[in-house]
Amino acid sequence: MRLGIIGTGRIASRFVETAIDGLDVEVVCVYNPHGESAEKFGRRYKLDIYTDQLEDLIEVVDCVYIAAPHETHYYYTKLMLENGKHVLCEKPMALSKVEAVELYELASRKNLVLMEAVKTAYCPGFNELINIAKSGKIGRIVDVEATFTRLTPTNTREYTNPIYNGSFLEFGTYGLLPVLKLLGTDYTSVSFKSLRNIGGVDTYTKAFIEYNNAMATVKTGLGAKSEGQLVVTGTNGYILAKSPWWMTKTFQVRFEDANRIEEYNYPYEGTGLQYELAIFLVAILDKNNNTTHQLPMISPNESVTAAQIIDEFLTFNTPLWETANRECKQREQDIPMPDIWAHRGCSMRYPENTLEAFEAAAKISGITGIELDVQLTSDGEVVVIHDETVDRVTNSTGNVKDFTLKSLKELKIDAGDQQYTTIPTLREVLELLKPYCEKNGLLINIELKTSVVRYEGIEQKTCDLVKSYHLEKYIVYSSFLPQSVDLIKKIDPTAQTGMLAETLDDCMLYAKIVRADALHPYIGSLGYVLPKEFSKMPVRVWNVEEPFFNDGRILKDTHLDRYKLYGATDIITNVPEVYLEYI
């Protein structure tokens, strides 16, 4: 079977990597309206055809897997069905009952397979859970509670899609699956309650679904974490599938007698995507051969009902999101643009943490500062490199701490066009940047890499080097290790420090303890206005999604300045030249 993929995001990559092994299917083509993304995906997975033209894909495939943004699912599904292709479409397949009904009717007329790709629906453990629940073992089912939360960075599609964003649209289909399987599709009412971030995106939502003599709750979260369990309540007992229930490997049937617990265990291999693809292929063979297998599938009625509930959520959610988003844009006009720092220099154009990258950044008009990382060699020299090993950025391997300065200087860093550079010392960097600091006020953020390897004495050595160049007022010291930030303050009480952490909450927690002067969180952890006690502090955010020199990634997001609404005062970026030109 010749399969084409529409979309090149995270789920498409996992699908190619894990779903096709051992199955009689070949991925022959990938489509993305952005040709560069299609080419990158195609080359990575050695596909013969990668294209930004749908006609190219239609010509060579028998069936398609649609993994594009939510709002495009209906369009792509309809187009593929009209062109005689079997369709496996990521959830939610449609965003309204009308759309879903139209697609299933079209598939029926064309005698094609149309399946919604909710991997849980096709795995052995979940289907046995449903069978046992329906068997009467726990009596009459009166309640289903399904929770799916995943803490998600706020600079990802789930938050940044202009309309179709948020936790319920992302995870609600999973929660609705056991509800509709067990309680049916004839619900009497549905209502929603949501918590939102400053941009109006629902970060935590509860859907309350009522039936005659039964009820259900579906909880979803992007910005809040809860126990991801499935509980099926019956008149004689209950079923508990603990997190992650959507990858059902085990569940328990429990009764009034606390000592009576039945445990069931089932295989769940890989990512689970192979289960849905296997069922999809069998369903296609059934169509082609006019045969019928009993397949665990989402019925058209269940899929249509899920689309109807999603439509009701959009009716509830859209006005609230639009109001919050409009207020955001009004506030945005009164907030100054963030200052721009070069992350390890101009690290997309030049090898990171090199003299070439630093000099290029220092020459950019309007730049505020340069961020760099320091570690110690075996003979106690302060050198500028990010990783604790040299493996990723040089032609050698090994721990930085095990090299002498002389041996470290012998390593080569590929600078492109058969040119090479070396790992610099902090002394070399300070010599290079001193004129820019004194003439332009350029700041330098020195990150002490002490959270993995505890380099004894690195704080004192670094401060001494800075002092020897009389650059104290141009330096900000930061670290993921609170003790290092605290030690810098003890060495020099006037030193400016920043508390690094992957979450804003941790930044604030440790900043209070070590008296840090600034917060340095991962940009994806911002989602709300800073508490009043931190409102005057610089918030310098960093981003891991931007490409480094020759790492093969594509620069996608060049509008990180929107995080000023969440309190970001500075952006530490691999592409300062892009942001300063944009701003």
Foldseek 3Di string as FASTA:
>chain_A
DEEEEEDQDDVVVLCLVPACPPHPYDDAEYEYLPQVSQVLSCVVSVHPYGYNDVVVVLVPGQAYEYDHDPVCLLVVLVVSLVSNHAYEYEPPNAQALVSLVVSVVSCVVSLHHYAYQLLLLQFDQSVVVLVVLVVCPQHQWAEKEFEEEDAWFCVDPQNPVPFQHAWCRVCVVVQLVSVCSRVNLPWDDKDKDFDAFLLQHGAKMWIWIHHVRHIYIYITGHHDDDWRWMWTHHPFWIKIQGPPCSQPAKIWTAGPPRVDIDMDGDDRDDPSSNSVVVLNVVSRVCSVVVHDDPGRGQDSSSSSSSSNVSNVVSVVRRVSSVVSNVVLVVVVVVFDFAAEEAEQALFALWPGVFLVRNLVRLPDPRHAEYEWEWDAACVGFIWTDDDQWCVPFWPDTDGRNDHDPVRQQVTWGDGPPPDTHGTGTVLVNCVSCVVSCVPVVYAYEYEYECPVPNHPPPLVVVVVSCVVSPNQVRYEYEYCDLVSLLVNCVVPVPHAYEYEDQAQVVRVVSCVVSVHQAYEYANSRQGHADPPVCLPGAYEYEYDQADGYPPSDDGDDQPSSSCVSSVHNYYHYSRSVSNVVVD
